[in-house]
Amino acid sequence: MYTHVNFPTKKSLKQAVAAFNETGENPVTFYQPGPFGGKETQNGSFCVEGPHYPQPHRFYASCRAKDGVIVKVS
């Protein structure tokens, strides 16, 4: 899965999620590209990768979502 914002590092993804958890502004959302998209879990755990294709993936992150928004990254 990818985040809608193309984060260059896992650290920047974690910072964006932490900022959302503090302020409630700028939620970090996600999607599944390609023919398998549109059926993403809105609640639960999954992995994201980044940065987006065609750049080489430099990080993978385990995430937890609530109501379609990432609330935790590890």
PDB file of N, CA and C in Angstrom:
ATOM      1  N   MET A   1       0.838  -1.169   0.000  1.00  0.00           N
ATOM      2  CA  MET A   1       0.000   0.000   0.000  1.00  0.00           C
ATOM      3  C   MET A   1       0.881   1.229   0.000  1.00  0.00           C
ATOM      4  N   TYR A   2       0.314   2.303  -0.436  1.00  0.00           N
ATOM      5  CA  TYR A   2       0.982   3.599  -0.447  1.00  0.00           C
ATOM      6  C   TYR A   2       0.152   4.600   0.349  1.00  0.00           C
ATOM      7  N   THR A   3       0.813   5.658   0.824  1.00  0.00           N
ATOM      8  CA  THR A   3       0.088   6.785   1.407  1.00  0.00           C
ATOM      9  C   THR A   3      -0.218   7.762   0.280  1.00  0.00           C
ATOM     10  N   HIS A   4      -1.258   8.576   0.445  1.00  0.00           N
ATOM     11  CA  HIS A   4      -1.593   9.535  -0.602  1.00  0.00           C
ATOM     12  C   HIS A   4      -0.494  10.586  -0.774  1.00  0.00           C
ATOM     13  N   VAL A   5       0.195  10.921   0.302  1.00  0.00           N
ATOM     14  CA  VAL A   5       1.354  11.809   0.228  1.00  0.00           C
ATOM     15  C   VAL A   5       2.575  10.922   0.020  1.00  0.00           C
ATOM     16  N   ASN A   6       3.438  11.272  -0.898  1.00  0.00           N
ATOM     17  CA  ASN A   6       4.617  10.474  -1.209  1.00  0.00           C
ATOM     18  C   ASN A   6       5.746  10.828  -0.245  1.00  0.00           C
ATOM     19  N   PHE A   7       5.761  10.182   0.924  1.00  0.00           N
ATOM     20  CA  PHE A   7       6.781  10.464   1.929  1.00  0.00           C
ATOM     21  C   PHE A   7       8.122   9.869   1.488  1.00  0.00           C
ATOM     22  N   PRO A   8       9.211  10.638   1.592  1.00  0.00           N
ATOM     23  CA  PRO A   8      10.512  10.131   1.154  1.00  0.00           C
ATOM     24  C   PRO A   8      11.158   9.181   2.155  1.00  0.00           C
ATOM     25  N   THR A   9      10.773   9.279   3.444  1.00  0.00           N
ATOM     26  CA  THR A   9      11.378   8.431   4.481  1.00  0.00           C
ATOM     27  C   THR A   9      10.314   7.976   5.473  1.00  0.00           C
ATOM     28  N   LYS A  10      10.642   6.923   6.181  1.00  0.00           N
ATOM     29  CA  LYS A  10       9.755   6.435   7.230  1.00  0.00           C
ATOM     30  C   LYS A  10       9.645   7.462   8.354  1.00  0.00           C
ATOM     31  N   LYS A  11      10.736   8.156   8.613  1.00  0.00           N
ATOM     32  CA  LYS A  11      10.736   9.186   9.648  1.00  0.00           C
ATOM     33  C   LYS A  11       9.725  10.281   9.330  1.00  0.00           C
ATOM     34  N   SER A  12       9.662  10.707   8.079  1.00  0.00           N
ATOM     35  CA  SER A  12       8.715  11.769   7.704  1.00  0.00           C
ATOM     36  C   SER A  12       7.271  11.266   7.799  1.00  0.00           C
ATOM     37  N   LEU A  13       7.045   9.996   7.503  1.00  0.00           N
ATOM     38  CA  LEU A  13       5.715   9.406   7.675  1.00  0.00           C
ATOM     39  C   LEU A  13       5.330   9.397   9.153  1.00  0.00           C
ATOM     40  N   LYS A  14       6.246   8.962  10.020  1.00  0.00           N
ATOM     41  CA  LYS A  14       5.979   8.943  11.458  1.00  0.00           C
ATOM     42  C   LYS A  14       5.683  10.344  11.990  1.00  0.00           C
ATOM     43  N   GLN A  15       6.435  11.342  11.514  1.00  0.00           N
ATOM     44  CA  GLN A  15       6.217  12.718  11.970  1.00  0.00           C
ATOM     45  C   GLN A  15       4.841  13.223  11.554  1.00  0.00           C
ATOM     46  N   ALA A  16       4.417  12.896  10.342  1.00  0.00           N
ATOM     47  CA  ALA A  16       3.106  13.338   9.866  1.00  0.00           C
ATOM     48  C   ALA A  16       1.986  12.686  10.670  1.00  0.00           C
ATOM     49  N   VAL A  17       2.123  11.405  10.991  1.00  0.00           N
ATOM     50  CA  VAL A  17       1.115  10.711  11.796  1.00  0.00           C
ATOM     51  C   VAL A  17       1.094  11.278  13.212  1.00  0.00           C
ATOM     52  N   ALA A  18       2.266  11.541  13.786  1.00  0.00           N
ATOM     53  CA  ALA A  18       2.326  12.128  15.128  1.00  0.00           C
ATOM     54  C   ALA A  18       1.677  13.514  15.149  1.00  0.00           C
ATOM     55  N   ALA A  19       1.916  14.316  14.127  1.00  0.00           N
ATOM     56  CA  ALA A  19       1.313  15.648  14.046  1.00  0.00           C
ATOM     57  C   ALA A  19      -0.209  15.544  13.952  1.00  0.00           C
ATOM     58  N   PHE A  20      -0.708  14.576  13.172  1.00  0.00           N
ATOM     59  CA  PHE A  20      -2.156  14.389  13.077  1.00  0.00           C
ATOM     60  C   PHE A  20      -2.731  13.973  14.425  1.00  0.00           C
ATOM     61  N   ASN A  21      -2.045  13.057  15.121  1.00  0.00           N
ATOM     62  CA  ASN A  21      -2.536  12.598  16.425  1.00  0.00           C
ATOM     63  C   ASN A  21      -2.588  13.723  17.446  1.00  0.00           C
ATOM     64  N   GLU A  22      -1.700  14.702  17.317  1.00  0.00           N
ATOM     65  CA  GLU A  22      -1.687  15.835  18.249  1.00  0.00           C
ATOM     66  C   GLU A  22      -2.727  16.888  17.906  1.00  0.00           C
ATOM     67  N   THR A  23      -2.867  17.204  16.608  1.00  0.00           N
ATOM     68  CA  THR A  23      -3.717  18.321  16.208  1.00  0.00           C
ATOM     69  C   THR A  23      -5.039  17.920  15.588  1.00  0.00           C
ATOM     70  N   GLY A  24      -5.107  16.716  15.013  1.00  0.00           N
ATOM     71  CA  GLY A  24      -6.318  16.300  14.309  1.00  0.00           C
ATOM     72  C   GLY A  24      -6.413  16.872  12.908  1.00  0.00           C
ATOM     73  N   GLU A  25      -5.358  17.546  12.452  1.00  0.00           N
ATOM     74  CA  GLU A  25      -5.342  18.143  11.118  1.00  0.00           C
ATOM     75  C   GLU A  25      -4.428  17.348  10.194  1.00  0.00           C
ATOM     76  N   ASN A  26      -4.702  17.391   8.897  1.00  0.00           N
ATOM     77  CA  ASN A  26      -3.917  16.733   7.850  1.00  0.00           C
ATOM     78  C   ASN A  26      -3.785  15.224   8.091  1.00  0.00           C
ATOM     79  N   PRO A  27      -4.896  14.487   8.010  1.00  0.00           N
ATOM     80  CA  PRO A  27      -4.830  13.042   8.211  1.00  0.00           C
ATOM     81  C   PRO A  27      -3.990  12.362   7.132  1.00  0.00           C
ATOM     82  N   VAL A  28      -3.306  11.296   7.497  1.00  0.00           N
ATOM     83  CA  VAL A  28      -2.486  10.516   6.564  1.00  0.00           C
ATOM     84  C   VAL A  28      -3.347   9.343   6.090  1.00  0.00           C
ATOM     85  N   THR A  29      -3.733   9.385   4.817  1.00  0.00           N
ATOM     86  CA  THR A  29      -4.578   8.342   4.241  1.00  0.00           C
ATOM     87  C   THR A  29      -3.755   7.457   3.329  1.00  0.00           C
ATOM     88  N   PHE A  30      -4.336   6.359   2.892  1.00  0.00           N
ATOM     89  CA  PHE A  30      -3.597   5.336   2.159  1.00  0.00           C
ATOM     90  C   PHE A  30      -4.467   4.718   1.081  1.00  0.00           C
ATOM     91  N   TYR A  31      -3.816   4.001   0.159  1.00  0.00           N
ATOM     92  CA  TYR A  31      -4.538   3.322  -0.914  1.00  0.00           C
ATOM     93  C   TYR A  31      -3.702   2.169  -1.455  1.00  0.00           C
ATOM     94  N   GLN A  32      -4.368   1.257  -2.149  1.00  0.00           N
ATOM     95  CA  GLN A  32      -3.702   0.143  -2.820  1.00  0.00           C
ATOM     96  C   GLN A  32      -3.737   0.443  -4.313  1.00  0.00           C
ATOM     97  N   PRO A  33      -2.580   0.626  -4.964  1.00  0.00           N
ATOM     98  CA  PRO A  33      -2.576   0.928  -6.390  1.00  0.00           C
ATOM     99  C   PRO A  33      -2.887  -0.320  -7.230  1.00  0.00           C
ATOM    100  N   GLY A  34      -3.242  -0.091  -8.454  1.00  0.00           N
ATOM    101  CA  GLY A  34      -3.429  -1.192  -9.386  1.00  0.00           C
ATOM    102  C   GLY A  34      -4.797  -1.839  -9.307  1.00  0.00           C
ATOM    103  N   PRO A  35      -4.914  -3.033  -9.867  1.00  0.00           N
ATOM    104  CA  PRO A  35      -6.223  -3.688  -9.966  1.00  0.00           C
ATOM    105  C   PRO A  35      -6.769  -4.180  -8.629  1.00  0.00           C
ATOM    106  N   PHE A  36      -5.960  -4.176  -7.586  1.00  0.00           N
ATOM    107  CA  PHE A  36      -6.418  -4.669  -6.293  1.00  0.00           C
ATOM    108  C   PHE A  36      -6.889  -3.549  -5.376  1.00  0.00           C
ATOM    109  N   GLY A  37      -6.872  -2.327  -5.856  1.00  0.00           N
ATOM    110  CA  GLY A  37      -7.268  -1.188  -5.042  1.00  0.00           C
ATOM    111  C   GLY A  37      -8.765  -1.088  -4.876  1.00  0.00           C
ATOM    112  N   GLY A  38      -9.174  -0.253  -3.934  1.00  0.00           N
ATOM    113  CA  GLY A  38     -10.584  -0.009  -3.693  1.00  0.00           C
ATOM    114  C   GLY A  38     -11.186  -0.859  -2.597  1.00  0.00           C
ATOM    115  N   LYS A  39     -10.451  -1.857  -2.113  1.00  0.00           N
ATOM    116  CA  LYS A  39     -10.976  -2.726  -1.065  1.00  0.00           C
ATOM    117  C   LYS A  39     -10.077  -2.708   0.161  1.00  0.00           C
ATOM    118  N   GLU A  40      -9.391  -1.601   0.375  1.00  0.00           N
ATOM    119  CA  GLU A  40      -8.476  -1.489   1.510  1.00  0.00           C
ATOM    120  C   GLU A  40      -9.253  -1.548   2.820  1.00  0.00           C
ATOM    121  N   THR A  41      -8.613  -2.140   3.821  1.00  0.00           N
ATOM    122  CA  THR A  41      -9.208  -2.158   5.147  1.00  0.00           C
ATOM    123  C   THR A  41      -9.231  -0.732   5.699  1.00  0.00           C
ATOM    124  N   GLN A  42     -10.302  -0.344   6.320  1.00  0.00           N
ATOM    125  CA  GLN A  42     -10.398   0.991   6.904  1.00  0.00           C
ATOM    126  C   GLN A  42      -9.986   0.993   8.368  1.00  0.00           C
ATOM    127  N   ASN A  43      -9.976  -0.187   8.961  1.00  0.00           N
ATOM    128  CA  ASN A  43      -9.584  -0.350  10.362  1.00  0.00           C
ATOM    129  C   ASN A  43      -8.711  -1.591  10.467  1.00  0.00           C
ATOM    130  N   GLY A  44      -7.583  -1.469  11.160  1.00  0.00           N
ATOM    131  CA  GLY A  44      -6.719  -2.625  11.342  1.00  0.00           C
ATOM    132  C   GLY A  44      -5.295  -2.355  10.941  1.00  0.00           C
ATOM    133  N   SER A  45      -4.528  -3.440  10.765  1.00  0.00           N
ATOM    134  CA  SER A  45      -3.097  -3.348  10.483  1.00  0.00           C
ATOM    135  C   SER A  45      -2.790  -3.699   9.031  1.00  0.00           C
ATOM    136  N   PHE A  46      -1.730  -3.085   8.504  1.00  0.00           N
ATOM    137  CA  PHE A  46      -1.274  -3.322   7.150  1.00  0.00           C
ATOM    138  C   PHE A  46       0.115  -2.720   7.007  1.00  0.00           C
ATOM    139  N   CYS A  47       0.746  -2.916   5.868  1.00  0.00           N
ATOM    140  CA  CYS A  47       2.072  -2.349   5.599  1.00  0.00           C
ATOM    141  C   CYS A  47       1.997  -1.358   4.459  1.00  0.00           C
ATOM    142  N   VAL A  48       2.813  -0.311   4.552  1.00  0.00           N
ATOM    143  CA  VAL A  48       2.970   0.630   3.444  1.00  0.00           C
ATOM    144  C   VAL A  48       4.430   0.623   3.017  1.00  0.00           C
ATOM    145  N   GLU A  49       4.656   1.049   1.797  1.00  0.00           N
ATOM    146  CA  GLU A  49       6.015   1.142   1.276  1.00  0.00           C
ATOM    147  C   GLU A  49       6.204   2.507   0.655  1.00  0.00           C
ATOM    148  N   GLY A  50       7.447   2.937   0.590  1.00  0.00           N
ATOM    149  CA  GLY A  50       7.702   4.244   0.023  1.00  0.00           C
ATOM    150  C   GLY A  50       9.168   4.428  -0.283  1.00  0.00           C
ATOM    151  N   PRO A  51       9.503   5.423  -1.022  1.00  0.00           N
ATOM    152  CA  PRO A  51       8.591   6.283  -1.758  1.00  0.00           C
ATOM    153  C   PRO A  51       7.867   5.519  -2.869  1.00  0.00           C
ATOM    154  N   HIS A  52       6.966   6.198  -3.542  1.00  0.00           N
ATOM    155  CA  HIS A  52       6.133   5.573  -4.563  1.00  0.00           C
ATOM    156  C   HIS A  52       6.936   5.124  -5.771  1.00  0.00           C
ATOM    157  N   TYR A  53       6.422   4.095  -6.441  1.00  0.00           N
ATOM    158  CA  TYR A  53       6.960   3.647  -7.722  1.00  0.00           C
ATOM    159  C   TYR A  53       6.858   4.819  -8.697  1.00  0.00           C
ATOM    160  N   PRO A  54       7.813   5.094  -9.542  1.00  0.00           N
ATOM    161  CA  PRO A  54       8.932   4.286  -9.998  1.00  0.00           C
ATOM    162  C   PRO A  54      10.220   4.481  -9.198  1.00  0.00           C
ATOM    163  N   GLN A  55      10.191   5.292  -8.145  1.00  0.00           N
ATOM    164  CA  GLN A  55      11.379   5.416  -7.304  1.00  0.00           C
ATOM    165  C   GLN A  55      11.595   4.097  -6.563  1.00  0.00           C
ATOM    166  N   PRO A  56      12.843   3.742  -6.262  1.00  0.00           N
ATOM    167  CA  PRO A  56      13.061   2.506  -5.500  1.00  0.00           C
ATOM    168  C   PRO A  56      12.515   2.660  -4.078  1.00  0.00           C
ATOM    169  N   HIS A  57      11.869   1.623  -3.586  1.00  0.00           N
ATOM    170  CA  HIS A  57      11.346   1.665  -2.222  1.00  0.00           C
ATOM    171  C   HIS A  57      12.516   1.674  -1.250  1.00  0.00           C
ATOM    172  N   ARG A  58      12.488   2.617  -0.318  1.00  0.00           N
ATOM    173  CA  ARG A  58      13.555   2.749   0.674  1.00  0.00           C
ATOM    174  C   ARG A  58      13.083   2.376   2.070  1.00  0.00           C
ATOM    175  N   PHE A  59      11.765   2.277   2.239  1.00  0.00           N
ATOM    176  CA  PHE A  59      11.262   1.901   3.559  1.00  0.00           C
ATOM    177  C   PHE A  59       9.956   1.126   3.442  1.00  0.00           C
ATOM    178  N   TYR A  60       9.726   0.328   4.449  1.00  0.00           N
ATOM    179  CA  TYR A  60       8.469  -0.388   4.650  1.00  0.00           C
ATOM    180  C   TYR A  60       8.059  -0.119   6.081  1.00  0.00           C
ATOM    181  N   ALA A  61       6.769   0.084   6.302  1.00  0.00           N
ATOM    182  CA  ALA A  61       6.301   0.420   7.642  1.00  0.00           C
ATOM    183  C   ALA A  61       5.022  -0.348   7.960  1.00  0.00           C
ATOM    184  N   SER A  62       4.946  -0.866   9.173  1.00  0.00           N
ATOM    185  CA  SER A  62       3.711  -1.466   9.667  1.00  0.00           C
ATOM    186  C   SER A  62       2.850  -0.340  10.212  1.00  0.00           C
ATOM    187  N   CYS A  63       1.599  -0.316   9.795  1.00  0.00           N
ATOM    188  CA  CYS A  63       0.705   0.771  10.186  1.00  0.00           C
ATOM    189  C   CYS A  63      -0.583   0.214  10.769  1.00  0.00           C
ATOM    190  N   ARG A  64      -1.216   1.051  11.574  1.00  0.00           N
ATOM    191  CA  ARG A  64      -2.546   0.742  12.101  1.00  0.00           C
ATOM    192  C   ARG A  64      -3.453   1.899  11.697  1.00  0.00           C
ATOM    193  N   ALA A  65      -4.638   1.550  11.197  1.00  0.00           N
ATOM    194  CA  ALA A  65      -5.587   2.562  10.738  1.00  0.00           C
ATOM    195  C   ALA A  65      -6.865   2.518  11.557  1.00  0.00           C
ATOM    196  N   LYS A  66      -7.486   3.666  11.629  1.00  0.00           N
ATOM    197  CA  LYS A  66      -8.801   3.787  12.254  1.00  0.00           C
ATOM    198  C   LYS A  66      -9.630   4.720  11.367  1.00  0.00           C
ATOM    199  N   ASP A  67     -10.746   4.240  10.896  1.00  0.00           N
ATOM    200  CA  ASP A  67     -11.643   5.006  10.022  1.00  0.00           C
ATOM    201  C   ASP A  67     -10.934   5.542   8.775  1.00  0.00           C
ATOM    202  N   GLY A  68     -10.028   4.744   8.197  1.00  0.00           N
ATOM    203  CA  GLY A  68      -9.361   5.117   6.956  1.00  0.00           C
ATOM    204  C   GLY A  68      -8.201   6.066   7.113  1.00  0.00           C
ATOM    205  N   VAL A  69      -7.735   6.300   8.344  1.00  0.00           N
ATOM    206  CA  VAL A  69      -6.633   7.217   8.608  1.00  0.00           C
ATOM    207  C   VAL A  69      -5.566   6.467   9.405  1.00  0.00           C
ATOM    208  N   ILE A  70      -4.304   6.639   9.029  1.00  0.00           N
ATOM    209  CA  ILE A  70      -3.224   5.990   9.768  1.00  0.00           C
ATOM    210  C   ILE A  70      -3.057   6.695  11.110  1.00  0.00           C
ATOM    211  N   VAL A  71      -3.089   5.897  12.188  1.00  0.00           N
ATOM    212  CA  VAL A  71      -2.960   6.465  13.533  1.00  0.00           C
ATOM    213  C   VAL A  71      -1.702   5.995  14.247  1.00  0.00           C
ATOM    214  N   LYS A  72      -1.022   4.951  13.706  1.00  0.00           N
ATOM    215  CA  LYS A  72       0.198   4.466  14.328  1.00  0.00           C
ATOM    216  C   LYS A  72       1.115   3.885  13.254  1.00  0.00           C
ATOM    217  N   VAL A  73       2.422   4.158  13.395  1.00  0.00           N
ATOM    218  CA  VAL A  73       3.439   3.630  12.481  1.00  0.00           C
ATOM    219  C   VAL A  73       4.534   2.990  13.311  1.00  0.00           C
ATOM    220  N   SER A  74       4.969   1.803  12.896  1.00  0.00           N
ATOM    221  CA  SER A  74       6.098   1.161  13.574  1.00  0.00           C
ATOM    222  C   SER A  74       6.988   0.476  12.559  1.00  0.00           C
TER     223      SER A  74
END
